[in-house]
């Protein structure tokens, strides 16, 4: 396989470099960022170059690209940089952890980042530019659309359909056979039991501090 140029120079880019190097058949040849964010010549002991001139240093014929960005602006920034990389002629690589539980026939799109301890049941599909952080359950026949970010320990039950450009926070639970509309934000710890219309925002109640301080507890 071709080596990978990683777009980004932050924590997620550092993680992507680590995962590609230690748990994939691909090597990482360097990093690229927009010229205005170029702060040095190296990152993770590898060269960094401006995205505007990246094809001069690493032509698309010799390298693929991986866009290692977060869920900023409901994944729009990552989506737009994927489109920009394609327009320069790059194929987009994906990383799928060897420590994820997957079945034969599993399908995912390009520029996906699937970390360790994800359990993806048969007939579930994952679209383009999707991040599944560690420890999620993706139920049978579930479908995750393009440009989504699923944080850790999320339960997506069987037959759930998630629209494009959604964010799902840690420990959220989605009951079976519901539809989550495009551009929904489902916060940490939410329980979703019915269809969610597009652009919905769901926030679970946060724990409140007790009036009793820990120094007065008799048993713990």
N, C-alpha and C. Protein backbone atom coordinates (compact mmCIF):
# COMPACT_ATOMS: atom_id res chain seq x y z
N UNK A 1 0.83 -1.20 0.00
CA UNK A 1 0.00 0.00 0.00
C UNK A 1 0.87 1.25 0.00
N UNK A 2 0.30 2.33 -0.54
CA UNK A 2 1.02 3.60 -0.54
C UNK A 2 1.21 4.11 0.89
N UNK A 3 2.29 4.86 1.13
CA UNK A 3 2.40 5.55 2.42
C UNK A 3 1.35 6.66 2.52
N UNK A 4 1.20 7.17 3.72
CA UNK A 4 0.14 8.14 4.01
C UNK A 4 0.74 9.48 4.40
N UNK A 5 0.18 10.54 3.85
CA UNK A 5 0.41 11.89 4.34
C UNK A 5 -0.78 12.25 5.21
N UNK A 6 -0.53 12.71 6.42
CA UNK A 6 -1.60 13.04 7.36
C UNK A 6 -1.85 14.54 7.34
N UNK A 7 -3.11 14.92 7.12
CA UNK A 7 -3.49 16.32 7.23
C UNK A 7 -3.80 16.60 8.69
N UNK A 8 -3.06 17.55 9.26
CA UNK A 8 -3.25 17.90 10.66
C UNK A 8 -1.93 17.86 11.40
N UNK A 9 -1.86 18.58 12.52
CA UNK A 9 -0.65 18.58 13.34
C UNK A 9 -1.03 18.79 14.80
N UNK A 10 -2.12 18.12 15.21
CA UNK A 10 -2.58 18.20 16.58
C UNK A 10 -2.64 16.82 17.20
N UNK A 11 -3.40 16.70 18.28
CA UNK A 11 -3.47 15.43 19.01
C UNK A 11 -3.99 14.29 18.14
N UNK A 12 -5.04 14.55 17.36
CA UNK A 12 -5.61 13.48 16.54
C UNK A 12 -4.64 13.07 15.45
N UNK A 13 -3.91 14.02 14.88
CA UNK A 13 -2.90 13.68 13.89
C UNK A 13 -1.78 12.84 14.51
N UNK A 14 -1.39 13.18 15.73
CA UNK A 14 -0.37 12.38 16.42
C UNK A 14 -0.86 10.97 16.67
N UNK A 15 -2.12 10.84 17.10
CA UNK A 15 -2.71 9.52 17.30
C UNK A 15 -2.78 8.73 16.00
N UNK A 16 -3.21 9.40 14.92
CA UNK A 16 -3.31 8.73 13.63
C UNK A 16 -1.95 8.20 13.19
N UNK A 17 -0.92 9.00 13.37
CA UNK A 17 0.43 8.56 13.02
C UNK A 17 0.81 7.33 13.82
N UNK A 18 0.53 7.34 15.10
CA UNK A 18 0.86 6.18 15.96
C UNK A 18 0.13 4.93 15.50
N UNK A 19 -1.17 5.06 15.25
CA UNK A 19 -1.95 3.89 14.84
C UNK A 19 -1.51 3.36 13.48
N UNK A 20 -1.33 4.23 12.51
CA UNK A 20 -0.89 3.78 11.19
C UNK A 20 0.47 3.07 11.28
N UNK A 21 1.38 3.64 12.06
CA UNK A 21 2.72 3.06 12.14
C UNK A 21 2.73 1.71 12.88
N UNK A 22 1.92 1.59 13.90
CA UNK A 22 2.00 0.42 14.77
C UNK A 22 0.94 -0.64 14.50
N UNK A 23 -0.07 -0.31 13.69
CA UNK A 23 -1.16 -1.28 13.53
C UNK A 23 -1.78 -1.17 12.14
N UNK A 24 -0.94 -1.04 11.13
CA UNK A 24 -1.44 -1.03 9.76
C UNK A 24 -0.29 -1.38 8.82
N UNK A 25 -0.61 -1.77 7.60
CA UNK A 25 0.45 -2.05 6.62
C UNK A 25 1.03 -0.80 5.98
N UNK A 26 0.54 0.37 6.37
CA UNK A 26 0.99 1.62 5.76
C UNK A 26 2.05 2.31 6.62
N UNK A 27 2.91 3.03 5.96
CA UNK A 27 3.85 3.91 6.66
C UNK A 27 3.33 5.34 6.55
N UNK A 28 3.81 6.21 7.42
CA UNK A 28 3.48 7.63 7.38
C UNK A 28 4.70 8.38 6.89
N UNK A 29 4.53 9.14 5.83
CA UNK A 29 5.67 9.84 5.24
C UNK A 29 5.81 11.27 5.72
N UNK A 30 4.72 11.86 6.24
CA UNK A 30 4.80 13.22 6.73
C UNK A 30 3.44 13.80 7.00
N UNK A 31 3.41 15.10 7.30
CA UNK A 31 2.19 15.81 7.66
C UNK A 31 2.02 17.04 6.79
N UNK A 32 0.79 17.49 6.67
CA UNK A 32 0.51 18.72 5.96
C UNK A 32 -0.58 19.50 6.68
N UNK A 33 -0.48 20.82 6.65
CA UNK A 33 -1.49 21.71 7.22
C UNK A 33 -1.59 22.93 6.31
N UNK A 34 -2.67 23.67 6.45
CA UNK A 34 -2.78 24.94 5.72
C UNK A 34 -1.61 25.84 6.11
N UNK A 35 -1.12 26.60 5.15
CA UNK A 35 0.09 27.40 5.36
C UNK A 35 -0.01 28.31 6.58
N UNK A 36 -1.20 28.84 6.84
CA UNK A 36 -1.36 29.77 7.96
C UNK A 36 -1.18 29.09 9.32
N UNK A 37 -1.28 27.75 9.34
CA UNK A 37 -1.12 27.01 10.59
C UNK A 37 0.22 26.27 10.65
N UNK A 38 1.08 26.51 9.72
CA UNK A 38 2.39 25.85 9.69
C UNK A 38 3.30 26.50 10.73
N UNK A 39 3.64 25.74 11.78
CA UNK A 39 4.41 26.31 12.89
C UNK A 39 5.85 25.80 12.95
N UNK A 40 6.19 24.85 12.12
CA UNK A 40 7.54 24.32 12.13
C UNK A 40 7.74 23.36 10.97
N UNK A 41 8.95 22.85 10.88
CA UNK A 41 9.29 21.97 9.77
C UNK A 41 9.02 20.50 10.05
N UNK A 42 8.83 20.16 11.35
CA UNK A 42 8.63 18.75 11.70
C UNK A 42 7.50 18.62 12.72
N UNK A 43 6.91 17.44 12.72
CA UNK A 43 5.91 17.06 13.72
C UNK A 43 6.03 15.55 13.90
N UNK A 44 6.11 15.09 15.14
CA UNK A 44 6.34 13.66 15.42
C UNK A 44 7.57 13.15 14.68
N UNK A 45 8.59 14.00 14.60
CA UNK A 45 9.86 13.65 13.96
C UNK A 45 9.72 13.37 12.47
N UNK A 46 8.66 13.88 11.86
CA UNK A 46 8.46 13.74 10.42
C UNK A 46 8.27 15.12 9.82
N UNK A 47 8.57 15.27 8.53
CA UNK A 47 8.44 16.60 7.91
C UNK A 47 6.99 17.06 7.80
N UNK A 48 6.81 18.37 7.86
CA UNK A 48 5.51 19.01 7.66
C UNK A 48 5.64 19.99 6.51
N UNK A 49 4.65 20.01 5.65
CA UNK A 49 4.66 20.96 4.54
C UNK A 49 3.30 21.61 4.38
N UNK A 50 3.25 22.73 3.73
CA UNK A 50 1.99 23.46 3.53
C UNK A 50 1.09 22.69 2.58
N UNK A 51 -0.19 22.66 2.89
CA UNK A 51 -1.14 21.95 2.05
C UNK A 51 -1.21 22.55 0.65
N UNK A 52 -0.99 23.83 0.57
CA UNK A 52 -1.07 24.51 -0.73
C UNK A 52 -0.05 23.96 -1.72
N UNK A 53 1.08 23.45 -1.23
CA UNK A 53 2.14 22.93 -2.12
C UNK A 53 2.45 21.47 -1.84
N UNK A 54 1.54 20.76 -1.18
CA UNK A 54 1.84 19.38 -0.77
C UNK A 54 2.09 18.46 -1.96
N UNK A 55 1.44 18.70 -3.08
CA UNK A 55 1.62 17.80 -4.22
C UNK A 55 3.03 17.90 -4.81
N UNK A 56 3.73 19.02 -4.56
CA UNK A 56 5.10 19.14 -5.04
C UNK A 56 6.03 18.21 -4.27
N UNK A 57 5.76 18.07 -2.97
CA UNK A 57 6.64 17.23 -2.14
C UNK A 57 6.22 15.78 -2.14
N UNK A 58 4.90 15.55 -2.05
CA UNK A 58 4.39 14.18 -2.01
C UNK A 58 3.28 14.05 -3.05
N UNK A 59 3.61 13.73 -4.28
CA UNK A 59 2.60 13.64 -5.35
C UNK A 59 1.55 12.58 -5.05
N UNK A 60 0.31 12.81 -5.47
CA UNK A 60 -0.76 11.83 -5.24
C UNK A 60 -0.47 10.45 -5.84
N UNK A 61 0.36 10.39 -6.85
CA UNK A 61 0.69 9.10 -7.45
C UNK A 61 1.50 8.22 -6.50
N UNK A 62 2.17 8.86 -5.53
CA UNK A 62 3.05 8.10 -4.64
C UNK A 62 2.54 8.00 -3.22
N UNK A 63 1.51 8.77 -2.86
CA UNK A 63 1.01 8.81 -1.48
C UNK A 63 -0.51 8.93 -1.46
N UNK A 64 -1.12 8.39 -0.42
CA UNK A 64 -2.51 8.68 -0.10
C UNK A 64 -2.55 9.68 1.05
N UNK A 65 -3.73 10.16 1.37
CA UNK A 65 -3.84 11.14 2.45
C UNK A 65 -4.89 10.69 3.46
N UNK A 66 -4.66 11.05 4.72
CA UNK A 66 -5.64 10.83 5.78
C UNK A 66 -5.86 12.16 6.49
N UNK A 67 -7.11 12.59 6.59
CA UNK A 67 -7.44 13.86 7.24
C UNK A 67 -7.76 13.58 8.70
N UNK A 68 -6.86 14.02 9.58
CA UNK A 68 -6.95 13.72 11.01
C UNK A 68 -7.40 14.95 11.77
N UNK A 69 -8.70 15.22 11.69
CA UNK A 69 -9.29 16.36 12.38
C UNK A 69 -10.44 15.90 13.24
N UNK A 70 -10.89 16.76 14.14
CA UNK A 70 -11.94 16.42 15.09
C UNK A 70 -13.32 16.64 14.48
N UNK A 71 -14.31 16.80 15.35
CA UNK A 71 -15.70 17.01 14.94
C UNK A 71 -16.06 18.49 14.85
N UNK A 72 -15.07 19.37 14.72
CA UNK A 72 -15.31 20.81 14.69
C UNK A 72 -16.35 21.17 13.64
N UNK A 73 -17.25 22.07 14.02
CA UNK A 73 -18.32 22.53 13.12
C UNK A 73 -19.14 21.36 12.59
N UNK A 74 -19.46 20.46 13.50
CA UNK A 74 -20.25 19.26 13.15
C UNK A 74 -19.61 18.50 11.99
N UNK A 75 -18.31 18.32 12.10
CA UNK A 75 -17.53 17.53 11.14
C UNK A 75 -17.36 18.21 9.79
N UNK A 76 -17.83 19.45 9.65
CA UNK A 76 -17.74 20.12 8.36
C UNK A 76 -16.29 20.41 7.97
N UNK A 77 -15.47 20.77 8.96
CA UNK A 77 -14.07 21.07 8.65
C UNK A 77 -13.38 19.82 8.10
N UNK A 78 -13.60 18.69 8.75
CA UNK A 78 -12.98 17.45 8.27
C UNK A 78 -13.52 17.07 6.89
N UNK A 79 -14.83 17.24 6.70
CA UNK A 79 -15.45 16.97 5.39
C UNK A 79 -14.83 17.83 4.30
N UNK A 80 -14.68 19.13 4.59
CA UNK A 80 -14.17 20.05 3.57
C UNK A 80 -12.71 19.75 3.23
N UNK A 81 -11.92 19.36 4.22
CA UNK A 81 -10.52 19.04 3.95
C UNK A 81 -10.41 17.74 3.18
N UNK A 82 -11.32 16.80 3.41
CA UNK A 82 -11.34 15.59 2.59
C UNK A 82 -11.61 15.95 1.12
N UNK A 83 -12.57 16.85 0.91
CA UNK A 83 -12.88 17.27 -0.46
C UNK A 83 -11.70 17.97 -1.10
N UNK A 84 -10.99 18.78 -0.31
CA UNK A 84 -9.82 19.48 -0.84
C UNK A 84 -8.71 18.51 -1.21
N UNK A 85 -8.53 17.47 -0.39
CA UNK A 85 -7.51 16.46 -0.70
C UNK A 85 -7.87 15.71 -1.97
N UNK A 86 -9.14 15.37 -2.13
CA UNK A 86 -9.57 14.68 -3.35
C UNK A 86 -9.33 15.57 -4.57
N UNK A 87 -9.60 16.87 -4.43
CA UNK A 87 -9.44 17.78 -5.57
C UNK A 87 -7.99 17.88 -6.01
N UNK A 88 -7.07 17.58 -5.11
CA UNK A 88 -5.65 17.55 -5.47
C UNK A 88 -5.23 16.20 -6.03
N UNK A 89 -6.16 15.27 -6.08
CA UNK A 89 -5.86 13.97 -6.67
C UNK A 89 -5.52 12.86 -5.71
N UNK A 90 -5.64 13.11 -4.40
CA UNK A 90 -5.29 12.09 -3.42
C UNK A 90 -6.44 11.11 -3.19
N UNK A 91 -6.11 9.84 -3.07
CA UNK A 91 -7.04 8.88 -2.50
C UNK A 91 -6.95 9.01 -0.99
N UNK A 92 -8.08 8.77 -0.31
CA UNK A 92 -8.13 8.94 1.14
C UNK A 92 -8.03 7.58 1.83
N UNK A 93 -7.06 7.46 2.71
CA UNK A 93 -6.84 6.22 3.44
C UNK A 93 -7.78 6.14 4.64
N UNK A 94 -8.00 4.94 5.13
CA UNK A 94 -8.73 4.71 6.38
C UNK A 94 -7.86 3.88 7.31
N UNK A 95 -8.11 4.04 8.60
CA UNK A 95 -7.47 3.18 9.61
C UNK A 95 -8.56 2.42 10.34
N UNK A 96 -8.43 1.09 10.38
CA UNK A 96 -9.34 0.23 11.12
C UNK A 96 -8.50 -0.63 12.06
N UNK A 97 -8.71 -0.49 13.34
CA UNK A 97 -7.88 -1.18 14.32
C UNK A 97 -7.99 -2.70 14.19
N UNK A 98 -6.85 -3.36 14.34
CA UNK A 98 -6.85 -4.82 14.38
C UNK A 98 -7.50 -5.34 15.66
N UNK A 99 -7.69 -4.46 16.63
CA UNK A 99 -8.30 -4.83 17.91
C UNK A 99 -9.80 -4.54 17.93
N UNK A 100 -10.36 -4.13 16.80
CA UNK A 100 -11.81 -4.00 16.68
C UNK A 100 -12.40 -5.36 16.32
N UNK A 101 -13.63 -5.58 16.76
CA UNK A 101 -14.33 -6.84 16.47
C UNK A 101 -15.22 -6.64 15.25
N UNK A 102 -14.80 -7.23 14.13
CA UNK A 102 -15.50 -7.05 12.85
C UNK A 102 -15.79 -8.41 12.24
N UNK A 103 -16.80 -8.44 11.37
CA UNK A 103 -17.18 -9.67 10.70
C UNK A 103 -16.90 -9.56 9.21
N UNK A 104 -16.71 -10.71 8.52
CA UNK A 104 -16.49 -10.67 7.07
C UNK A 104 -17.61 -9.91 6.37
N UNK A 105 -17.23 -9.13 5.38
CA UNK A 105 -18.20 -8.35 4.63
C UNK A 105 -18.46 -6.96 5.18
N UNK A 106 -17.80 -6.61 6.29
CA UNK A 106 -17.99 -5.27 6.85
C UNK A 106 -17.55 -4.22 5.83
N UNK A 107 -18.38 -3.19 5.65
CA UNK A 107 -18.11 -2.14 4.68
C UNK A 107 -17.97 -0.78 5.37
N UNK A 108 -16.95 -0.05 4.98
CA UNK A 108 -16.77 1.32 5.48
C UNK A 108 -16.25 2.17 4.34
N UNK A 109 -16.43 3.47 4.46
CA UNK A 109 -15.99 4.39 3.42
C UNK A 109 -14.55 4.82 3.59
N UNK A 110 -14.18 5.86 2.86
CA UNK A 110 -12.82 6.38 2.92
C UNK A 110 -12.67 7.37 4.06
N UNK A 111 -11.43 7.57 4.47
CA UNK A 111 -11.08 8.47 5.57
C UNK A 111 -11.83 8.15 6.85
N UNK A 112 -11.96 6.86 7.14
CA UNK A 112 -12.56 6.43 8.40
C UNK A 112 -11.45 6.15 9.43
N UNK A 113 -11.80 6.34 10.69
CA UNK A 113 -10.85 6.17 11.80
C UNK A 113 -11.57 5.33 12.85
N UNK A 114 -11.36 4.02 12.83
CA UNK A 114 -12.07 3.08 13.69
C UNK A 114 -11.08 2.52 14.69
N UNK A 115 -11.22 2.92 15.94
CA UNK A 115 -10.23 2.59 16.95
C UNK A 115 -10.54 1.27 17.65
N UNK A 116 -9.71 0.96 18.64
CA UNK A 116 -9.76 -0.35 19.29
C UNK A 116 -11.06 -0.57 20.08
N UNK A 117 -11.40 -1.85 20.19
CA UNK A 117 -12.54 -2.30 21.01
C UNK A 117 -13.90 -1.87 20.50
N UNK A 118 -13.99 -1.46 19.25
CA UNK A 118 -15.30 -1.30 18.63
C UNK A 118 -15.83 -2.67 18.24
N UNK A 119 -17.08 -2.93 18.57
CA UNK A 119 -17.76 -4.14 18.13
C UNK A 119 -18.78 -3.75 17.07
N UNK A 120 -18.55 -4.24 15.86
CA UNK A 120 -19.45 -3.94 14.74
C UNK A 120 -20.09 -5.25 14.30
N UNK A 121 -21.39 -5.36 14.51
CA UNK A 121 -22.09 -6.60 14.22
C UNK A 121 -22.36 -6.76 12.72
N UNK A 122 -22.73 -7.99 12.30
CA UNK A 122 -22.96 -8.24 10.87
C UNK A 122 -24.00 -7.30 10.26
N UNK A 123 -23.73 -6.95 9.01
CA UNK A 123 -24.62 -6.15 8.16
C UNK A 123 -24.70 -4.68 8.56
N UNK A 124 -23.87 -4.26 9.51
CA UNK A 124 -23.76 -2.83 9.80
C UNK A 124 -22.83 -2.18 8.79
N UNK A 125 -23.11 -0.93 8.42
CA UNK A 125 -22.27 -0.22 7.46
C UNK A 125 -21.89 1.16 8.00
N UNK A 126 -20.72 1.61 7.59
CA UNK A 126 -20.18 2.90 8.03
C UNK A 126 -19.80 3.69 6.79
N UNK A 127 -20.26 4.94 6.70
CA UNK A 127 -20.03 5.75 5.51
C UNK A 127 -18.64 6.34 5.44
N UNK A 128 -18.50 7.37 4.60
CA UNK A 128 -17.21 8.04 4.42
C UNK A 128 -16.94 9.01 5.57
N UNK A 129 -15.65 9.13 5.91
CA UNK A 129 -15.20 10.16 6.84
C UNK A 129 -15.90 10.04 8.21
N UNK A 130 -15.89 8.83 8.72
CA UNK A 130 -16.53 8.54 10.02
C UNK A 130 -15.45 8.19 11.04
N UNK A 131 -15.54 8.78 12.21
CA UNK A 131 -14.68 8.42 13.33
C UNK A 131 -15.49 7.63 14.35
N UNK A 132 -15.01 6.43 14.67
CA UNK A 132 -15.56 5.65 15.79
C UNK A 132 -14.45 5.57 16.83
N UNK A 133 -14.57 6.35 17.88
CA UNK A 133 -13.56 6.29 18.93
C UNK A 133 -13.65 4.93 19.61
N UNK A 134 -12.91 4.68 20.64
CA UNK A 134 -12.78 3.33 21.18
C UNK A 134 -14.00 2.87 21.96
N UNK A 135 -14.27 1.55 21.89
CA UNK A 135 -15.20 0.91 22.81
C UNK A 135 -16.67 1.03 22.49
N UNK A 136 -17.06 1.21 21.23
CA UNK A 136 -18.48 1.35 20.89
C UNK A 136 -19.10 0.02 20.46
N UNK A 137 -20.41 -0.05 20.56
CA UNK A 137 -21.18 -1.19 20.04
C UNK A 137 -22.05 -0.69 18.89
N UNK A 138 -21.80 -1.25 17.70
CA UNK A 138 -22.59 -0.89 16.52
C UNK A 138 -23.41 -2.12 16.16
N UNK A 139 -24.72 -2.05 16.37
CA UNK A 139 -25.58 -3.22 16.23
C UNK A 139 -25.80 -3.64 14.79
N UNK A 140 -26.30 -4.85 14.64
CA UNK A 140 -26.57 -5.43 13.33
C UNK A 140 -27.50 -4.54 12.50
N UNK A 141 -27.22 -4.47 11.22
CA UNK A 141 -28.02 -3.71 10.26
C UNK A 141 -28.08 -2.21 10.55
N UNK A 142 -27.24 -1.72 11.45
CA UNK A 142 -27.17 -0.27 11.67
C UNK A 142 -26.45 0.38 10.49
N UNK A 143 -26.78 1.64 10.25
CA UNK A 143 -26.12 2.38 9.17
C UNK A 143 -25.72 3.76 9.68
N UNK A 144 -24.42 4.03 9.59
CA UNK A 144 -23.89 5.33 9.99
C UNK A 144 -23.55 6.10 8.72
N UNK A 145 -24.12 7.28 8.56
CA UNK A 145 -23.91 8.07 7.36
C UNK A 145 -22.53 8.70 7.30
N UNK A 146 -22.33 9.55 6.31
CA UNK A 146 -21.03 10.19 6.09
C UNK A 146 -20.77 11.29 7.12
N UNK A 147 -19.49 11.55 7.36
CA UNK A 147 -19.04 12.72 8.14
C UNK A 147 -19.58 12.73 9.56
N UNK A 148 -19.57 11.57 10.19
CA UNK A 148 -20.05 11.46 11.58
C UNK A 148 -18.89 11.23 12.54
N UNK A 149 -19.12 11.56 13.80
CA UNK A 149 -18.14 11.31 14.87
C UNK A 149 -18.89 10.65 16.02
N UNK A 150 -18.45 9.45 16.37
CA UNK A 150 -19.05 8.70 17.47
C UNK A 150 -17.99 8.55 18.55
N UNK A 151 -18.24 9.16 19.71
CA UNK A 151 -17.28 9.11 20.80
C UNK A 151 -17.31 7.72 21.46
N UNK A 152 -16.66 7.57 22.61
CA UNK A 152 -16.46 6.24 23.20
C UNK A 152 -17.69 5.71 23.94
N UNK A 153 -17.77 4.37 23.96
CA UNK A 153 -18.76 3.62 24.75
C UNK A 153 -20.20 4.01 24.42
N UNK A 154 -20.43 4.21 23.15
CA UNK A 154 -21.77 4.48 22.64
C UNK A 154 -22.40 3.16 22.23
N UNK A 155 -23.69 2.99 22.53
CA UNK A 155 -24.44 1.82 22.08
C UNK A 155 -25.40 2.25 20.98
N UNK A 156 -25.15 1.78 19.77
CA UNK A 156 -26.03 2.00 18.64
C UNK A 156 -26.70 0.67 18.35
N UNK A 157 -27.96 0.54 18.68
CA UNK A 157 -28.63 -0.76 18.63
C UNK A 157 -28.95 -1.17 17.19
N UNK A 158 -29.42 -2.38 17.04
CA UNK A 158 -29.67 -2.94 15.72
C UNK A 158 -30.66 -2.12 14.90
N UNK A 159 -30.36 -1.97 13.62
CA UNK A 159 -31.27 -1.32 12.71
C UNK A 159 -31.34 0.19 12.80
N UNK A 160 -30.50 0.81 13.60
CA UNK A 160 -30.50 2.27 13.73
C UNK A 160 -29.91 2.88 12.46
N UNK A 161 -30.50 3.97 12.00
CA UNK A 161 -29.98 4.73 10.87
C UNK A 161 -29.56 6.12 11.36
N UNK A 162 -28.30 6.45 11.15
CA UNK A 162 -27.77 7.74 11.57
C UNK A 162 -27.45 8.56 10.33
N UNK A 163 -28.03 9.73 10.23
CA UNK A 163 -27.82 10.58 9.07
C UNK A 163 -26.43 11.19 9.03
N UNK A 164 -26.14 11.90 7.96
CA UNK A 164 -24.83 12.51 7.77
C UNK A 164 -24.56 13.60 8.80
N UNK A 165 -23.28 13.79 9.10
CA UNK A 165 -22.80 14.94 9.88
C UNK A 165 -23.36 15.00 11.29
N UNK A 166 -23.46 13.84 11.94
CA UNK A 166 -23.93 13.79 13.33
C UNK A 166 -22.75 13.65 14.29
N UNK A 167 -22.97 14.09 15.52
CA UNK A 167 -22.04 13.87 16.62
C UNK A 167 -22.78 13.13 17.71
N UNK A 168 -22.17 12.05 18.22
CA UNK A 168 -22.77 11.27 19.29
C UNK A 168 -21.76 11.16 20.42
N UNK A 169 -22.12 11.67 21.59
CA UNK A 169 -21.19 11.77 22.71
C UNK A 169 -21.03 10.49 23.51
N UNK A 170 -20.06 10.50 24.41
CA UNK A 170 -19.71 9.31 25.19
C UNK A 170 -20.91 8.78 25.97
N UNK A 171 -21.01 7.45 25.99
CA UNK A 171 -22.02 6.74 26.78
C UNK A 171 -23.45 7.00 26.34
N UNK A 172 -23.66 7.51 25.15
CA UNK A 172 -25.02 7.66 24.63
C UNK A 172 -25.55 6.28 24.23
N UNK A 173 -26.88 6.13 24.30
CA UNK A 173 -27.53 4.87 23.93
C UNK A 173 -28.67 5.17 22.98
N UNK A 174 -28.69 4.47 21.85
CA UNK A 174 -29.74 4.63 20.85
C UNK A 174 -30.49 3.31 20.74
N UNK A 175 -31.78 3.31 21.00
CA UNK A 175 -32.56 2.07 20.96
C UNK A 175 -32.69 1.60 19.51
N UNK A 176 -33.14 0.37 19.35
CA UNK A 176 -33.13 -0.25 18.04
C UNK A 176 -34.16 0.37 17.08
N UNK A 177 -33.81 0.32 15.79
CA UNK A 177 -34.70 0.67 14.68
C UNK A 177 -35.26 2.09 14.76
N UNK A 178 -34.43 3.02 15.17
CA UNK A 178 -34.82 4.43 15.11
C UNK A 178 -33.94 5.13 14.08
N UNK A 179 -34.36 6.34 13.68
CA UNK A 179 -33.63 7.12 12.69
C UNK A 179 -33.18 8.44 13.32
N UNK A 180 -31.90 8.72 13.17
CA UNK A 180 -31.33 9.98 13.66
C UNK A 180 -31.10 10.86 12.44
N UNK A 181 -31.74 12.01 12.40
CA UNK A 181 -31.63 12.88 11.24
C UNK A 181 -30.25 13.50 11.08
N UNK A 182 -30.02 14.09 9.94
CA UNK A 182 -28.73 14.73 9.66
C UNK A 182 -28.43 15.85 10.66
N UNK A 183 -27.15 16.02 10.94
CA UNK A 183 -26.63 17.14 11.74
C UNK A 183 -27.20 17.17 13.16
N UNK A 184 -27.48 16.01 13.70
CA UNK A 184 -27.92 15.94 15.10
C UNK A 184 -26.71 15.91 16.04
N UNK A 185 -26.89 16.50 17.21
CA UNK A 185 -25.90 16.43 18.28
C UNK A 185 -26.55 15.71 19.45
N UNK A 186 -25.99 14.55 19.79
CA UNK A 186 -26.50 13.75 20.90
C UNK A 186 -25.43 13.76 21.98
N UNK A 187 -25.72 14.40 23.09
CA UNK A 187 -24.72 14.63 24.11
C UNK A 187 -24.38 13.39 24.92
N UNK A 188 -23.38 13.54 25.76
CA UNK A 188 -22.90 12.44 26.60
C UNK A 188 -24.02 11.93 27.49
N UNK A 189 -24.14 10.59 27.56
CA UNK A 189 -25.09 9.96 28.47
C UNK A 189 -26.53 10.01 28.05
N UNK A 190 -26.84 10.46 26.84
CA UNK A 190 -28.24 10.56 26.40
C UNK A 190 -28.80 9.18 26.07
N UNK A 191 -30.08 9.00 26.34
CA UNK A 191 -30.83 7.82 25.93
C UNK A 191 -31.86 8.27 24.91
N UNK A 192 -31.72 7.79 23.66
CA UNK A 192 -32.62 8.17 22.58
C UNK A 192 -33.50 6.97 22.24
N UNK A 193 -34.81 7.13 22.41
CA UNK A 193 -35.73 6.00 22.23
C UNK A 193 -36.68 6.18 21.05
N UNK A 194 -36.59 7.31 20.35
CA UNK A 194 -37.49 7.57 19.22
C UNK A 194 -36.71 8.31 18.13
N UNK A 195 -37.30 8.41 16.95
CA UNK A 195 -36.66 9.10 15.84
C UNK A 195 -36.29 10.53 16.25
N UNK A 196 -35.17 11.00 15.72
CA UNK A 196 -34.71 12.36 15.97
C UNK A 196 -34.73 13.14 14.67
N UNK A 197 -35.44 14.25 14.65
CA UNK A 197 -35.50 15.08 13.46
C UNK A 197 -34.13 15.72 13.18
N UNK A 198 -33.84 16.08 11.93
CA UNK A 198 -32.55 16.70 11.61
C UNK A 198 -32.27 17.93 12.47
N UNK A 199 -31.00 18.12 12.77
CA UNK A 199 -30.48 19.26 13.52
C UNK A 199 -30.96 19.30 14.97
N UNK A 200 -31.38 18.16 15.49
CA UNK A 200 -31.77 18.11 16.89
C UNK A 200 -30.56 18.12 17.80
N UNK A 201 -30.72 18.72 18.97
CA UNK A 201 -29.69 18.74 20.00
C UNK A 201 -30.28 18.11 21.25
N UNK A 202 -29.59 17.08 21.77
CA UNK A 202 -30.09 16.33 22.92
C UNK A 202 -29.03 16.38 24.02
N UNK A 203 -29.45 16.80 25.21
CA UNK A 203 -28.54 16.94 26.33
C UNK A 203 -29.10 16.19 27.53
N UNK A 204 -28.30 15.30 28.11
CA UNK A 204 -28.74 14.56 29.30
C UNK A 204 -28.54 15.42 30.54
N UNK A 205 -29.33 15.15 31.57
CA UNK A 205 -29.18 15.87 32.83
C UNK A 205 -27.84 15.54 33.46
N UNK A 206 -27.12 16.56 33.87
CA UNK A 206 -25.82 16.35 34.50
C UNK A 206 -25.98 16.09 35.99
N UNK A 207 -25.06 15.36 36.57
CA UNK A 207 -25.09 15.10 38.01
C UNK A 207 -24.85 16.41 38.77
N UNK A 208 -25.52 16.53 39.90
CA UNK A 208 -25.36 17.72 40.73
C UNK A 208 -24.52 17.39 41.96
N UNK A 209 -23.79 18.38 42.43
CA UNK A 209 -22.99 18.21 43.64
C UNK A 209 -23.90 18.13 44.86
N UNK A 210 -23.63 17.16 45.70
CA UNK A 210 -24.39 17.02 46.94
C UNK A 210 -24.07 18.16 47.90
N UNK A 211 -25.03 18.47 48.76
CA UNK A 211 -24.79 19.49 49.78
C UNK A 211 -23.85 18.98 50.87
N UNK A 212 -23.72 17.67 50.94
CA UNK A 212 -22.86 17.07 51.97
C UNK A 212 -21.45 16.89 51.42
N UNK A 213 -20.42 17.50 52.01
CA UNK A 213 -19.04 17.32 51.51
C UNK A 213 -18.53 15.92 51.83
N UNK A 214 -17.52 15.52 51.10
CA UNK A 214 -16.98 14.17 51.30
C UNK A 214 -16.41 13.96 52.69
N UNK A 215 -15.95 15.04 53.34
CA UNK A 215 -15.38 14.91 54.69
C UNK A 215 -16.43 14.50 55.73
N UNK A 216 -17.70 14.64 55.41
CA UNK A 216 -18.77 14.28 56.37
C UNK A 216 -19.39 12.94 56.07
N UNK A 217 -18.93 12.26 55.05
CA UNK A 217 -19.47 10.94 54.75
C UNK A 217 -18.97 9.92 55.76
N UNK A 218 -19.90 9.11 56.28
CA UNK A 218 -19.51 8.10 57.26
C UNK A 218 -19.16 6.77 56.60
N UNK A 219 -19.74 6.54 55.44
CA UNK A 219 -19.47 5.29 54.73
C UNK A 219 -19.21 5.60 53.26
N UNK A 220 -18.15 4.95 52.76
CA UNK A 220 -17.88 5.03 51.32
C UNK A 220 -16.92 3.90 50.95
